[in-house]
Amino acid sequence: MKKNQSGISLVAVAIVMGVLGGAAAFALISMRQDRNLFAEALNKAGAKAAAVAAPAVATVTPPAAPMRKCVINGRTVISNTDCGEKGKVIAIHDSRGIEAPKEPPKPAPEAMPNATDRAIERATR
């Protein structure tokens, strides 16, 4: 009686290991050239996808509408599309966010020391 093999076939293991070895060799070549070839390939694929999707995105983008505050289903909503023409128009103010603290003002320079003060300074150094 012939017994069937259970598990992964030797051919599948060889193919998977070949792909992993190729990816490792590609990574080593990428490191040798001080470039990230994986990221470059991903950017090229993303650029092609964006070029294909650009006509569809251009037709879907609605014109800019003012932000409005309205009540929808008992909830207060701020939106430029859901409120339509009802609701109160609100003004959006861009802020700078959290700013770094400013430096304290520098102290005013002291008056020029007289000859006695200069002599004391030279003696104490």
PDB file of N, CA and C in Angstrom:
ATOM      1  N   MET A   1       0.838  -1.166   0.000  1.00  0.00           N
ATOM      2  CA  MET A   1       0.000   0.000   0.000  1.00  0.00           C
ATOM      3  C   MET A   1       0.893   1.243   0.000  1.00  0.00           C
ATOM      4  N   LYS A   2       0.571   2.208  -0.864  1.00  0.00           N
ATOM      5  CA  LYS A   2       1.374   3.415  -1.012  1.00  0.00           C
ATOM      6  C   LYS A   2       0.869   4.484  -0.043  1.00  0.00           C
ATOM      7  N   LYS A   3       1.787   5.069   0.711  1.00  0.00           N
ATOM      8  CA  LYS A   3       1.413   6.076   1.694  1.00  0.00           C
ATOM      9  C   LYS A   3       1.674   7.469   1.100  1.00  0.00           C
ATOM     10  N   ASN A   4       0.685   8.378   1.141  1.00  0.00           N
ATOM     11  CA  ASN A   4       0.838   9.733   0.625  1.00  0.00           C
ATOM     12  C   ASN A   4       1.617  10.604   1.598  1.00  0.00           C
ATOM     13  N   GLN A   5       2.378  11.510   1.019  1.00  0.00           N
ATOM     14  CA  GLN A   5       3.171  12.413   1.847  1.00  0.00           C
ATOM     15  C   GLN A   5       2.248  13.442   2.487  1.00  0.00           C
ATOM     16  N   SER A   6       2.494  13.765   3.734  1.00  0.00           N
ATOM     17  CA  SER A   6       1.724  14.813   4.403  1.00  0.00           C
ATOM     18  C   SER A   6       2.654  15.977   4.697  1.00  0.00           C
ATOM     19  N   GLY A   7       2.169  17.177   4.520  1.00  0.00           N
ATOM     20  CA  GLY A   7       2.988  18.352   4.780  1.00  0.00           C
ATOM     21  C   GLY A   7       3.308  19.086   3.496  1.00  0.00           C
ATOM     22  N   ILE A   8       4.370  19.892   3.533  1.00  0.00           N
ATOM     23  CA  ILE A   8       4.754  20.731   2.411  1.00  0.00           C
ATOM     24  C   ILE A   8       5.651  19.923   1.471  1.00  0.00           C
ATOM     25  N   SER A   9       5.425  20.067   0.183  1.00  0.00           N
ATOM     26  CA  SER A   9       6.251  19.327  -0.765  1.00  0.00           C
ATOM     27  C   SER A   9       7.629  19.964  -0.881  1.00  0.00           C
ATOM     28  N   LEU A  10       8.566  19.200  -1.326  1.00  0.00           N
ATOM     29  CA  LEU A  10       9.932  19.656  -1.471  1.00  0.00           C
ATOM     30  C   LEU A  10      10.039  20.750  -2.528  1.00  0.00           C
ATOM     31  N   VAL A  11       9.222  20.687  -3.546  1.00  0.00           N
ATOM     32  CA  VAL A  11       9.219  21.700  -4.604  1.00  0.00           C
ATOM     33  C   VAL A  11       8.738  23.048  -4.042  1.00  0.00           C
ATOM     34  N   ALA A  12       7.708  23.023  -3.219  1.00  0.00           N
ATOM     35  CA  ALA A  12       7.187  24.262  -2.627  1.00  0.00           C
ATOM     36  C   ALA A  12       8.233  24.896  -1.717  1.00  0.00           C
ATOM     37  N   VAL A  13       8.937  24.070  -0.957  1.00  0.00           N
ATOM     38  CA  VAL A  13       9.978  24.582  -0.070  1.00  0.00           C
ATOM     39  C   VAL A  13      11.095  25.210  -0.904  1.00  0.00           C
ATOM     40  N   ALA A  14      11.479  24.568  -2.005  1.00  0.00           N
ATOM     41  CA  ALA A  14      12.534  25.096  -2.862  1.00  0.00           C
ATOM     42  C   ALA A  14      12.119  26.446  -3.465  1.00  0.00           C
ATOM     43  N   ILE A  15      10.887  26.576  -3.888  1.00  0.00           N
ATOM     44  CA  ILE A  15      10.402  27.834  -4.481  1.00  0.00           C
ATOM     45  C   ILE A  15      10.388  28.942  -3.427  1.00  0.00           C
ATOM     46  N   VAL A  16       9.872  28.666  -2.236  1.00  0.00           N
ATOM     47  CA  VAL A  16       9.811  29.668  -1.164  1.00  0.00           C
ATOM     48  C   VAL A  16      11.212  30.106  -0.766  1.00  0.00           C
ATOM     49  N   MET A  17      12.130  29.154  -0.629  1.00  0.00           N
ATOM     50  CA  MET A  17      13.493  29.508  -0.240  1.00  0.00           C
ATOM     51  C   MET A  17      14.202  30.286  -1.350  1.00  0.00           C
ATOM     52  N   GLY A  18      13.899  29.982  -2.606  1.00  0.00           N
ATOM     53  CA  GLY A  18      14.459  30.742  -3.720  1.00  0.00           C
ATOM     54  C   GLY A  18      13.983  32.180  -3.713  1.00  0.00           C
ATOM     55  N   VAL A  19      12.700  32.376  -3.432  1.00  0.00           N
ATOM     56  CA  VAL A  19      12.153  33.739  -3.359  1.00  0.00           C
ATOM     57  C   VAL A  19      12.786  34.497  -2.191  1.00  0.00           C
ATOM     58  N   LEU A  20      12.909  33.860  -1.035  1.00  0.00           N
ATOM     59  CA  LEU A  20      13.532  34.516   0.112  1.00  0.00           C
ATOM     60  C   LEU A  20      15.004  34.834  -0.163  1.00  0.00           C
ATOM     61  N   GLY A  21      15.706  33.925  -0.803  1.00  0.00           N
ATOM     62  CA  GLY A  21      17.108  34.173  -1.151  1.00  0.00           C
ATOM     63  C   GLY A  21      17.246  35.311  -2.147  1.00  0.00           C
ATOM     64  N   GLY A  22      16.347  35.386  -3.113  1.00  0.00           N
ATOM     65  CA  GLY A  22      16.356  36.493  -4.072  1.00  0.00           C
ATOM     66  C   GLY A  22      16.092  37.826  -3.399  1.00  0.00           C
ATOM     67  N   ALA A  23      15.142  37.853  -2.466  1.00  0.00           N
ATOM     68  CA  ALA A  23      14.845  39.092  -1.734  1.00  0.00           C
ATOM     69  C   ALA A  23      16.049  39.510  -0.889  1.00  0.00           C
ATOM     70  N   ALA A  24      16.726  38.530  -0.275  1.00  0.00           N
ATOM     71  CA  ALA A  24      17.909  38.856   0.533  1.00  0.00           C
ATOM     72  C   ALA A  24      19.038  39.391  -0.351  1.00  0.00           C
ATOM     73  N   ALA A  25      19.227  38.786  -1.526  1.00  0.00           N
ATOM     74  CA  ALA A  25      20.267  39.268  -2.444  1.00  0.00           C
ATOM     75  C   ALA A  25      19.928  40.675  -2.929  1.00  0.00           C
ATOM     76  N   PHE A  26      18.677  40.931  -3.227  1.00  0.00           N
ATOM     77  CA  PHE A  26      18.232  42.250  -3.661  1.00  0.00           C
ATOM     78  C   PHE A  26      18.481  43.277  -2.552  1.00  0.00           C
ATOM     79  N   ALA A  27      18.228  42.892  -1.294  1.00  0.00           N
ATOM     80  CA  ALA A  27      18.467  43.797  -0.165  1.00  0.00           C
ATOM     81  C   ALA A  27      19.959  44.084  -0.011  1.00  0.00           C
ATOM     82  N   LEU A  28      20.800  43.081  -0.179  1.00  0.00           N
ATOM     83  CA  LEU A  28      22.243  43.294  -0.070  1.00  0.00           C
ATOM     84  C   LEU A  28      22.760  44.206  -1.181  1.00  0.00           C
ATOM     85  N   ILE A  29      22.250  44.030  -2.390  1.00  0.00           N
ATOM     86  CA  ILE A  29      22.638  44.910  -3.495  1.00  0.00           C
ATOM     87  C   ILE A  29      22.179  46.327  -3.206  1.00  0.00           C
ATOM     88  N   SER A  30      20.990  46.455  -2.652  1.00  0.00           N
ATOM     89  CA  SER A  30      20.455  47.768  -2.297  1.00  0.00           C
ATOM     90  C   SER A  30      21.340  48.444  -1.254  1.00  0.00           C
ATOM     91  N   MET A  31      21.801  47.689  -0.267  1.00  0.00           N
ATOM     92  CA  MET A  31      22.664  48.258   0.772  1.00  0.00           C
ATOM     93  C   MET A  31      24.030  48.627   0.213  1.00  0.00           C
ATOM     94  N   ARG A  32      24.526  47.837  -0.722  1.00  0.00           N
ATOM     95  CA  ARG A  32      25.841  48.104  -1.308  1.00  0.00           C
ATOM     96  C   ARG A  32      25.833  49.420  -2.076  1.00  0.00           C
ATOM     97  N   GLN A  33      24.722  49.747  -2.724  1.00  0.00           N
ATOM     98  CA  GLN A  33      24.625  50.968  -3.517  1.00  0.00           C
ATOM     99  C   GLN A  33      24.135  52.163  -2.699  1.00  0.00           C
ATOM    100  N   ASP A  34      23.934  51.987  -1.405  1.00  0.00           N
ATOM    101  CA  ASP A  34      23.412  53.037  -0.523  1.00  0.00           C
ATOM    102  C   ASP A  34      22.091  53.603  -1.038  1.00  0.00           C
ATOM    103  N   ARG A  35      21.268  52.734  -1.529  1.00  0.00           N
ATOM    104  CA  ARG A  35      19.934  53.104  -1.994  1.00  0.00           C
ATOM    105  C   ARG A  35      18.943  52.126  -1.391  1.00  0.00           C
ATOM    106  N   ASN A  36      17.694  52.523  -1.328  1.00  0.00           N
ATOM    107  CA  ASN A  36      16.651  51.622  -0.884  1.00  0.00           C
ATOM    108  C   ASN A  36      15.810  51.271  -2.103  1.00  0.00           C
ATOM    109  N   LEU A  37      16.193  50.197  -2.777  1.00  0.00           N
ATOM    110  CA  LEU A  37      15.520  49.813  -4.011  1.00  0.00           C
ATOM    111  C   LEU A  37      14.089  49.356  -3.755  1.00  0.00           C
ATOM    112  N   PHE A  38      13.823  48.807  -2.566  1.00  0.00           N
ATOM    113  CA  PHE A  38      12.458  48.406  -2.228  1.00  0.00           C
ATOM    114  C   PHE A  38      11.539  49.625  -2.187  1.00  0.00           C
ATOM    115  N   ALA A  39      11.990  50.706  -1.535  1.00  0.00           N
ATOM    116  CA  ALA A  39      11.172  51.920  -1.438  1.00  0.00           C
ATOM    117  C   ALA A  39      11.001  52.573  -2.807  1.00  0.00           C
ATOM    118  N   GLU A  40      12.062  52.545  -3.635  1.00  0.00           N
ATOM    119  CA  GLU A  40      11.954  53.124  -4.974  1.00  0.00           C
ATOM    120  C   GLU A  40      10.931  52.365  -5.810  1.00  0.00           C
ATOM    121  N   ALA A  41      10.936  51.037  -5.717  1.00  0.00           N
ATOM    122  CA  ALA A  41       9.960  50.238  -6.460  1.00  0.00           C
ATOM    123  C   ALA A  41       8.548  50.500  -5.947  1.00  0.00           C
ATOM    124  N   LEU A  42       8.404  50.640  -4.624  1.00  0.00           N
ATOM    125  CA  LEU A  42       7.098  50.923  -4.044  1.00  0.00           C
ATOM    126  C   LEU A  42       6.600  52.304  -4.478  1.00  0.00           C
ATOM    127  N   ASN A  43       7.493  53.298  -4.539  1.00  0.00           N
ATOM    128  CA  ASN A  43       7.102  54.642  -4.987  1.00  0.00           C
ATOM    129  C   ASN A  43       6.687  54.633  -6.453  1.00  0.00           C
ATOM    130  N   LYS A  44       7.392  53.868  -7.282  1.00  0.00           N
ATOM    131  CA  LYS A  44       7.012  53.779  -8.698  1.00  0.00           C
ATOM    132  C   LYS A  44       5.633  53.149  -8.847  1.00  0.00           C
ATOM    133  N   ALA A  45       5.381  52.094  -8.088  1.00  0.00           N
ATOM    134  CA  ALA A  45       4.073  51.447  -8.152  1.00  0.00           C
ATOM    135  C   ALA A  45       2.988  52.393  -7.640  1.00  0.00           C
ATOM    136  N   GLY A  46       3.295  53.141  -6.589  1.00  0.00           N
ATOM    137  CA  GLY A  46       2.328  54.102  -6.058  1.00  0.00           C
ATOM    138  C   GLY A  46       2.060  55.232  -7.031  1.00  0.00           C
ATOM    139  N   ALA A  47       3.096  55.670  -7.754  1.00  0.00           N
ATOM    140  CA  ALA A  47       2.917  56.739  -8.738  1.00  0.00           C
ATOM    141  C   ALA A  47       2.036  56.268  -9.889  1.00  0.00           C
ATOM    142  N   LYS A  48       2.234  55.012 -10.313  1.00  0.00           N
ATOM    143  CA  LYS A  48       1.393  54.472 -11.381  1.00  0.00           C
ATOM    144  C   LYS A  48      -0.058  54.373 -10.914  1.00  0.00           C
ATOM    145  N   ALA A  49      -0.255  53.932  -9.686  1.00  0.00           N
ATOM    146  CA  ALA A  49      -1.617  53.816  -9.157  1.00  0.00           C
ATOM    147  C   ALA A  49      -2.268  55.191  -9.029  1.00  0.00           C
ATOM    148  N   ALA A  50      -1.490  56.195  -8.612  1.00  0.00           N
ATOM    149  CA  ALA A  50      -2.033  57.547  -8.489  1.00  0.00           C
ATOM    150  C   ALA A  50      -2.376  58.122  -9.857  1.00  0.00           C
ATOM    151  N   ALA A  51      -1.553  57.820 -10.864  1.00  0.00           N
ATOM    152  CA  ALA A  51      -1.833  58.315 -12.210  1.00  0.00           C
ATOM    153  C   ALA A  51      -3.102  57.684 -12.768  1.00  0.00           C
ATOM    154  N   VAL A  52      -3.338  56.419 -12.452  1.00  0.00           N
ATOM    155  CA  VAL A  52      -4.549  55.749 -12.915  1.00  0.00           C
ATOM    156  C   VAL A  52      -5.774  56.291 -12.189  1.00  0.00           C
ATOM    157  N   ALA A  53      -5.633  56.596 -10.896  1.00  0.00           N
ATOM    158  CA  ALA A  53      -6.775  57.044 -10.103  1.00  0.00           C
ATOM    159  C   ALA A  53      -7.029  58.546 -10.204  1.00  0.00           C
ATOM    160  N   ALA A  54      -6.105  59.321 -10.767  1.00  0.00           N
ATOM    161  CA  ALA A  54      -6.245  60.778 -10.799  1.00  0.00           C
ATOM    162  C   ALA A  54      -7.510  61.250 -11.512  1.00  0.00           C
ATOM    163  N   PRO A  55      -7.878  60.694 -12.681  1.00  0.00           N
ATOM    164  CA  PRO A  55      -9.117  61.174 -13.317  1.00  0.00           C
ATOM    165  C   PRO A  55     -10.359  60.915 -12.463  1.00  0.00           C
ATOM    166  N   ALA A  56     -10.394  59.776 -11.783  1.00  0.00           N
ATOM    167  CA  ALA A  56     -11.548  59.464 -10.946  1.00  0.00           C
ATOM    168  C   ALA A  56     -11.613  60.382  -9.731  1.00  0.00           C
ATOM    169  N   VAL A  57     -10.478  60.699  -9.148  1.00  0.00           N
ATOM    170  CA  VAL A  57     -10.442  61.569  -7.973  1.00  0.00           C
ATOM    171  C   VAL A  57     -10.836  62.986  -8.349  1.00  0.00           C
ATOM    172  N   ALA A  58     -10.416  63.436  -9.532  1.00  0.00           N
ATOM    173  CA  ALA A  58     -10.734  64.796  -9.969  1.00  0.00           C
ATOM    174  C   ALA A  58     -12.226  64.983 -10.164  1.00  0.00           C
ATOM    175  N   THR A  59     -12.929  63.951 -10.601  1.00  0.00           N
ATOM    176  CA  THR A  59     -14.367  64.088 -10.817  1.00  0.00           C
ATOM    177  C   THR A  59     -15.154  63.978  -9.521  1.00  0.00           C
ATOM    178  N   VAL A  60     -14.585  63.334  -8.500  1.00  0.00           N
ATOM    179  CA  VAL A  60     -15.302  63.117  -7.245  1.00  0.00           C
ATOM    180  C   VAL A  60     -15.131  64.280  -6.280  1.00  0.00           C
ATOM    181  N   THR A  61     -14.046  65.023  -6.354  1.00  0.00           N
ATOM    182  CA  THR A  61     -13.756  66.077  -5.398  1.00  0.00           C
ATOM    183  C   THR A  61     -14.808  67.180  -5.485  1.00  0.00           C
ATOM    184  N   PRO A  62     -15.567  67.420  -4.401  1.00  0.00           N
ATOM    185  CA  PRO A  62     -16.584  68.471  -4.432  1.00  0.00           C
ATOM    186  C   PRO A  62     -15.948  69.845  -4.265  1.00  0.00           C
ATOM    187  N   PRO A  63     -16.640  70.878  -4.697  1.00  0.00           N
ATOM    188  CA  PRO A  63     -16.109  72.224  -4.487  1.00  0.00           C
ATOM    189  C   PRO A  63     -16.102  72.556  -2.993  1.00  0.00           C
ATOM    190  N   ALA A  64     -15.188  73.423  -2.604  1.00  0.00           N
ATOM    191  CA  ALA A  64     -15.072  73.786  -1.191  1.00  0.00           C
ATOM    192  C   ALA A  64     -16.319  74.529  -0.732  1.00  0.00           C
ATOM    193  N   ALA A  65     -16.844  74.129   0.401  1.00  0.00           N
ATOM    194  CA  ALA A  65     -18.019  74.770   0.977  1.00  0.00           C
ATOM    195  C   ALA A  65     -17.644  75.264   2.359  1.00  0.00           C
ATOM    196  N   PRO A  66     -18.346  76.281   2.857  1.00  0.00           N
ATOM    197  CA  PRO A  66     -18.009  76.762   4.200  1.00  0.00           C
ATOM    198  C   PRO A  66     -18.389  75.735   5.262  1.00  0.00           C
ATOM    199  N   MET A  67     -17.661  75.741   6.356  1.00  0.00           N
ATOM    200  CA  MET A  67     -17.969  74.850   7.474  1.00  0.00           C
ATOM    201  C   MET A  67     -19.213  75.354   8.175  1.00  0.00           C
ATOM    202  N   ARG A  68     -20.104  74.440   8.481  1.00  0.00           N
ATOM    203  CA  ARG A  68     -21.362  74.785   9.144  1.00  0.00           C
ATOM    204  C   ARG A  68     -21.545  73.926  10.386  1.00  0.00           C
ATOM    205  N   LYS A  69     -22.250  74.480  11.348  1.00  0.00           N
ATOM    206  CA  LYS A  69     -22.571  73.771  12.581  1.00  0.00           C
ATOM    207  C   LYS A  69     -24.074  73.531  12.579  1.00  0.00           C
ATOM    208  N   CYS A  70     -24.486  72.250  12.635  1.00  0.00           N
ATOM    209  CA  CYS A  70     -25.906  71.933  12.604  1.00  0.00           C
ATOM    210  C   CYS A  70     -26.175  70.706  13.472  1.00  0.00           C
ATOM    211  N   VAL A  71     -27.446  70.370  13.640  1.00  0.00           N
ATOM    212  CA  VAL A  71     -27.853  69.223  14.434  1.00  0.00           C
ATOM    213  C   VAL A  71     -28.433  68.176  13.492  1.00  0.00           C
ATOM    214  N   ILE A  72     -27.827  66.978  13.489  1.00  0.00           N
ATOM    215  CA  ILE A  72     -28.301  65.872  12.664  1.00  0.00           C
ATOM    216  C   ILE A  72     -28.549  64.687  13.576  1.00  0.00           C
ATOM    217  N   ASN A  73     -29.766  64.175  13.571  1.00  0.00           N
ATOM    218  CA  ASN A  73     -30.171  63.040  14.412  1.00  0.00           C
ATOM    219  C   ASN A  73     -29.863  63.289  15.882  1.00  0.00           C
ATOM    220  N   GLY A  74     -30.080  64.506  16.352  1.00  0.00           N
ATOM    221  CA  GLY A  74     -29.863  64.839  17.751  1.00  0.00           C
ATOM    222  C   GLY A  74     -28.414  65.081  18.140  1.00  0.00           C
ATOM    223  N   ARG A  75     -27.512  65.064  17.209  1.00  0.00           N
ATOM    224  CA  ARG A  75     -26.102  65.298  17.503  1.00  0.00           C
ATOM    225  C   ARG A  75     -25.653  66.573  16.810  1.00  0.00           C
ATOM    226  N   THR A  76     -24.841  67.347  17.517  1.00  0.00           N
ATOM    227  CA  THR A  76     -24.273  68.553  16.928  1.00  0.00           C
ATOM    228  C   THR A  76     -23.101  68.148  16.055  1.00  0.00           C
ATOM    229  N   VAL A  77     -23.136  68.588  14.800  1.00  0.00           N
ATOM    230  CA  VAL A  77     -22.140  68.199  13.814  1.00  0.00           C
ATOM    231  C   VAL A  77     -21.539  69.450  13.195  1.00  0.00           C
ATOM    232  N   ILE A  78     -20.213  69.423  12.979  1.00  0.00           N
ATOM    233  CA  ILE A  78     -19.538  70.481  12.233  1.00  0.00           C
ATOM    234  C   ILE A  78     -19.058  69.842  10.944  1.00  0.00           C
ATOM    235  N   SER A  79     -19.599  70.295   9.813  1.00  0.00           N
ATOM    236  CA  SER A  79     -19.277  69.669   8.537  1.00  0.00           C
ATOM    237  C   SER A  79     -19.463  70.671   7.411  1.00  0.00           C
ATOM    238  N   ASN A  80     -18.821  70.388   6.274  1.00  0.00           N
ATOM    239  CA  ASN A  80     -19.045  71.232   5.109  1.00  0.00           C
ATOM    240  C   ASN A  80     -19.897  70.502   4.074  1.00  0.00           C
ATOM    241  N   THR A  81     -20.268  69.246   4.336  1.00  0.00           N
ATOM    242  CA  THR A  81     -21.095  68.502   3.389  1.00  0.00           C
ATOM    243  C   THR A  81     -22.390  68.003   4.012  1.00  0.00           C
ATOM    244  N   ASP A  82     -22.371  67.531   5.248  1.00  0.00           N
ATOM    245  CA  ASP A  82     -23.553  66.924   5.849  1.00  0.00           C
ATOM    246  C   ASP A  82     -24.651  67.934   6.156  1.00  0.00           C
ATOM    247  N   CYS A  83     -24.277  69.164   6.493  1.00  0.00           N
ATOM    248  CA  CYS A  83     -25.268  70.150   6.898  1.00  0.00           C
ATOM    249  C   CYS A  83     -26.019  70.752   5.711  1.00  0.00           C
ATOM    250  N   GLY A  84     -25.437  70.685   4.533  1.00  0.00           N
ATOM    251  CA  GLY A  84     -26.097  71.275   3.364  1.00  0.00           C
ATOM    252  C   GLY A  84     -26.156  72.783   3.496  1.00  0.00           C
ATOM    253  N   GLU A  85     -27.344  73.352   3.288  1.00  0.00           N
ATOM    254  CA  GLU A  85     -27.518  74.806   3.377  1.00  0.00           C
ATOM    255  C   GLU A  85     -28.092  75.232   4.723  1.00  0.00           C
ATOM    256  N   LYS A  86     -28.395  74.279   5.617  1.00  0.00           N
ATOM    257  CA  LYS A  86     -28.928  74.649   6.925  1.00  0.00           C
ATOM    258  C   LYS A  86     -27.796  74.718   7.939  1.00  0.00           C
ATOM    259  N   GLY A  87     -28.040  75.369   9.024  1.00  0.00           N
ATOM    260  CA  GLY A  87     -27.031  75.488  10.057  1.00  0.00           C
ATOM    261  C   GLY A  87     -26.300  76.810   9.988  1.00  0.00           C
ATOM    262  N   LYS A  88     -25.494  77.039  11.022  1.00  0.00           N
ATOM    263  CA  LYS A  88     -24.770  78.301  11.153  1.00  0.00           C
ATOM    264  C   LYS A  88     -23.377  78.160  10.550  1.00  0.00           C
ATOM    265  N   VAL A  89     -22.986  79.122   9.720  1.00  0.00           N
ATOM    266  CA  VAL A  89     -21.647  79.129   9.137  1.00  0.00           C
ATOM    267  C   VAL A  89     -20.658  79.534  10.226  1.00  0.00           C
ATOM    268  N   ILE A  90     -19.590  78.735  10.374  1.00  0.00           N
ATOM    269  CA  ILE A  90     -18.589  79.050  11.389  1.00  0.00           C
ATOM    270  C   ILE A  90     -17.272  79.372  10.698  1.00  0.00           C
ATOM    271  N   ALA A  91     -16.458  80.149  11.363  1.00  0.00           N
ATOM    272  CA  ALA A  91     -15.143  80.528  10.836  1.00  0.00           C
ATOM    273  C   ALA A  91     -14.091  79.643  11.496  1.00  0.00           C
ATOM    274  N   ILE A  92     -13.239  79.062  10.697  1.00  0.00           N
ATOM    275  CA  ILE A  92     -12.164  78.221  11.197  1.00  0.00           C
ATOM    276  C   ILE A  92     -10.893  79.058  11.265  1.00  0.00           C
ATOM    277  N   HIS A  93     -10.244  79.043  12.413  1.00  0.00           N
ATOM    278  CA  HIS A  93      -9.014  79.815  12.599  1.00  0.00           C
ATOM    279  C   HIS A  93      -7.849  78.846  12.746  1.00  0.00           C
ATOM    280  N   ASP A  94      -6.866  79.003  11.897  1.00  0.00           N
ATOM    281  CA  ASP A  94      -5.660  78.192  12.024  1.00  0.00           C
ATOM    282  C   ASP A  94      -4.814  78.751  13.149  1.00  0.00           C
ATOM    283  N   SER A  95      -4.346  77.873  14.006  1.00  0.00           N
ATOM    284  CA  SER A  95      -3.479  78.307  15.097  1.00  0.00           C
ATOM    285  C   SER A  95      -2.097  77.712  14.881  1.00  0.00           C
ATOM    286  N   ARG A  96      -1.150  78.242  15.571  1.00  0.00           N
ATOM    287  CA  ARG A  96       0.210  77.750  15.450  1.00  0.00           C
ATOM    288  C   ARG A  96       0.452  76.546  16.346  1.00  0.00           C
ATOM    289  N   GLY A  97      -0.471  76.223  17.182  1.00  0.00           N
ATOM    290  CA  GLY A  97      -0.273  75.108  18.093  1.00  0.00           C
ATOM    291  C   GLY A  97       0.583  75.523  19.271  1.00  0.00           C
ATOM    292  N   ILE A  98       1.348  74.607  19.785  1.00  0.00           N
ATOM    293  CA  ILE A  98       2.196  74.878  20.934  1.00  0.00           C
ATOM    294  C   ILE A  98       3.528  75.412  20.429  1.00  0.00           C
ATOM    295  N   GLU A  99       3.884  76.570  20.874  1.00  0.00           N
ATOM    296  CA  GLU A  99       5.143  77.187  20.468  1.00  0.00           C
ATOM    297  C   GLU A  99       6.198  76.994  21.554  1.00  0.00           C
ATOM    298  N   ALA A 100       7.429  76.985  21.143  1.00  0.00           N
ATOM    299  CA  ALA A 100       8.532  76.870  22.094  1.00  0.00           C
ATOM    300  C   ALA A 100       8.605  78.152  22.921  1.00  0.00           C
ATOM    301  N   PRO A 101       8.996  78.041  24.183  1.00  0.00           N
ATOM    302  CA  PRO A 101       9.102  79.257  24.991  1.00  0.00           C
ATOM    303  C   PRO A 101      10.186  80.184  24.451  1.00  0.00           C
ATOM    304  N   LYS A 102       9.934  81.451  24.590  1.00  0.00           N
ATOM    305  CA  LYS A 102      10.892  82.439  24.100  1.00  0.00           C
ATOM    306  C   LYS A 102      12.028  82.599  25.107  1.00  0.00           C
ATOM    307  N   GLU A 103      13.187  82.992  24.605  1.00  0.00           N
ATOM    308  CA  GLU A 103      14.335  83.195  25.474  1.00  0.00           C
ATOM    309  C   GLU A 103      14.100  84.416  26.355  1.00  0.00           C
ATOM    310  N   PRO A 104      14.576  84.344  27.602  1.00  0.00           N
ATOM    311  CA  PRO A 104      14.426  85.528  28.453  1.00  0.00           C
ATOM    312  C   PRO A 104      15.301  86.661  27.908  1.00  0.00           C
ATOM    313  N   PRO A 105      14.907  87.880  28.153  1.00  0.00           N
ATOM    314  CA  PRO A 105      15.709  88.994  27.634  1.00  0.00           C
ATOM    315  C   PRO A 105      17.096  89.003  28.283  1.00  0.00           C
ATOM    316  N   LYS A 106      18.075  89.358  27.491  1.00  0.00           N
ATOM    317  CA  LYS A 106      19.448  89.403  27.990  1.00  0.00           C
ATOM    318  C   LYS A 106      19.609  90.630  28.891  1.00  0.00           C
ATOM    319  N   PRO A 107      20.378  90.474  29.979  1.00  0.00           N
ATOM    320  CA  PRO A 107      20.552  91.625  30.869  1.00  0.00           C
ATOM    321  C   PRO A 107      21.350  92.723  30.156  1.00  0.00           C
ATOM    322  N   ALA A 108      21.037  93.927  30.524  1.00  0.00           N
ATOM    323  CA  ALA A 108      21.731  95.069  29.924  1.00  0.00           C
ATOM    324  C   ALA A 108      23.191  95.045  30.342  1.00  0.00           C
ATOM    325  N   PRO A 109      24.097  95.396  29.433  1.00  0.00           N
ATOM    326  CA  PRO A 109      25.519  95.398  29.818  1.00  0.00           C
ATOM    327  C   PRO A 109      25.771  96.436  30.907  1.00  0.00           C
ATOM    328  N   GLU A 110      26.613  96.033  31.838  1.00  0.00           N
ATOM    329  CA  GLU A 110      26.906  96.936  32.948  1.00  0.00           C
ATOM    330  C   GLU A 110      27.819  98.064  32.460  1.00  0.00           C
ATOM    331  N   ALA A 111      27.869  99.080  33.238  1.00  0.00           N
ATOM    332  CA  ALA A 111      28.716 100.226  32.888  1.00  0.00           C
ATOM    333  C   ALA A 111      30.178  99.801  32.916  1.00  0.00           C
ATOM    334  N   MET A 112      30.985 100.492  32.175  1.00  0.00           N
ATOM    335  CA  MET A 112      32.413 100.174  32.122  1.00  0.00           C
ATOM    336  C   MET A 112      33.018 100.300  33.518  1.00  0.00           C
ATOM    337  N   PRO A 113      33.767  99.263  33.922  1.00  0.00           N
ATOM    338  CA  PRO A 113      34.368  99.353  35.256  1.00  0.00           C
ATOM    339  C   PRO A 113      35.488 100.408  35.279  1.00  0.00           C
ATOM    340  N   ASN A 114      35.619 101.005  36.441  1.00  0.00           N
ATOM    341  CA  ASN A 114      36.687 102.012  36.553  1.00  0.00           C
ATOM    342  C   ASN A 114      38.028 101.315  36.774  1.00  0.00           C
ATOM    343  N   ALA A 115      39.076 102.058  36.897  1.00  0.00           N
ATOM    344  CA  ALA A 115      40.430 101.511  37.000  1.00  0.00           C
ATOM    345  C   ALA A 115      40.590 100.636  38.240  1.00  0.00           C
ATOM    346  N   THR A 116      39.956 100.988  39.333  1.00  0.00           N
ATOM    347  CA  THR A 116      40.079 100.203  40.560  1.00  0.00           C
ATOM    348  C   THR A 116      39.441  98.835  40.376  1.00  0.00           C
ATOM    349  N   ASP A 117      38.247  98.793  39.764  1.00  0.00           N
ATOM    350  CA  ASP A 117      37.573  97.508  39.538  1.00  0.00           C
ATOM    351  C   ASP A 117      38.373  96.615  38.595  1.00  0.00           C
ATOM    352  N   ARG A 118      38.997  97.204  37.582  1.00  0.00           N
ATOM    353  CA  ARG A 118      39.818  96.422  36.656  1.00  0.00           C
ATOM    354  C   ARG A 118      41.054  95.860  37.369  1.00  0.00           C
ATOM    355  N   ALA A 119      41.639  96.615  38.231  1.00  0.00           N
ATOM    356  CA  ALA A 119      42.814  96.156  38.973  1.00  0.00           C
ATOM    357  C   ALA A 119      42.429  94.996  39.897  1.00  0.00           C
ATOM    358  N   ILE A 120      41.271  95.082  40.530  1.00  0.00           N
ATOM    359  CA  ILE A 120      40.797  94.001  41.417  1.00  0.00           C
ATOM    360  C   ILE A 120      40.541  92.743  40.591  1.00  0.00           C
ATOM    361  N   GLU A 121      39.924  92.891  39.407  1.00  0.00           N
ATOM    362  CA  GLU A 121      39.668  91.755  38.528  1.00  0.00           C
ATOM    363  C   GLU A 121      40.961  91.067  38.130  1.00  0.00           C
ATOM    364  N   ARG A 122      41.970  91.832  37.741  1.00  0.00           N
ATOM    365  CA  ARG A 122      43.242  91.256  37.331  1.00  0.00           C
ATOM    366  C   ARG A 122      43.932  90.566  38.512  1.00  0.00           C
ATOM    367  N   ALA A 123      43.785  91.085  39.673  1.00  0.00           N
ATOM    368  CA  ALA A 123      44.444  90.504  40.848  1.00  0.00           C
ATOM    369  C   ALA A 123      43.767  89.198  41.295  1.00  0.00           C
ATOM    370  N   THR A 124      42.481  89.079  41.096  1.00  0.00           N
ATOM    371  CA  THR A 124      41.769  87.878  41.557  1.00  0.00           C
ATOM    372  C   THR A 124      41.797  86.745  40.538  1.00  0.00           C
ATOM    373  N   ARG A 125      42.234  86.975  39.343  1.00  0.00           N
ATOM    374  CA  ARG A 125      42.289  85.896  38.352  1.00  0.00           C
ATOM    375  C   ARG A 125      43.461  85.030  38.524  1.00  0.00           C
TER     376      ARG A 125
END
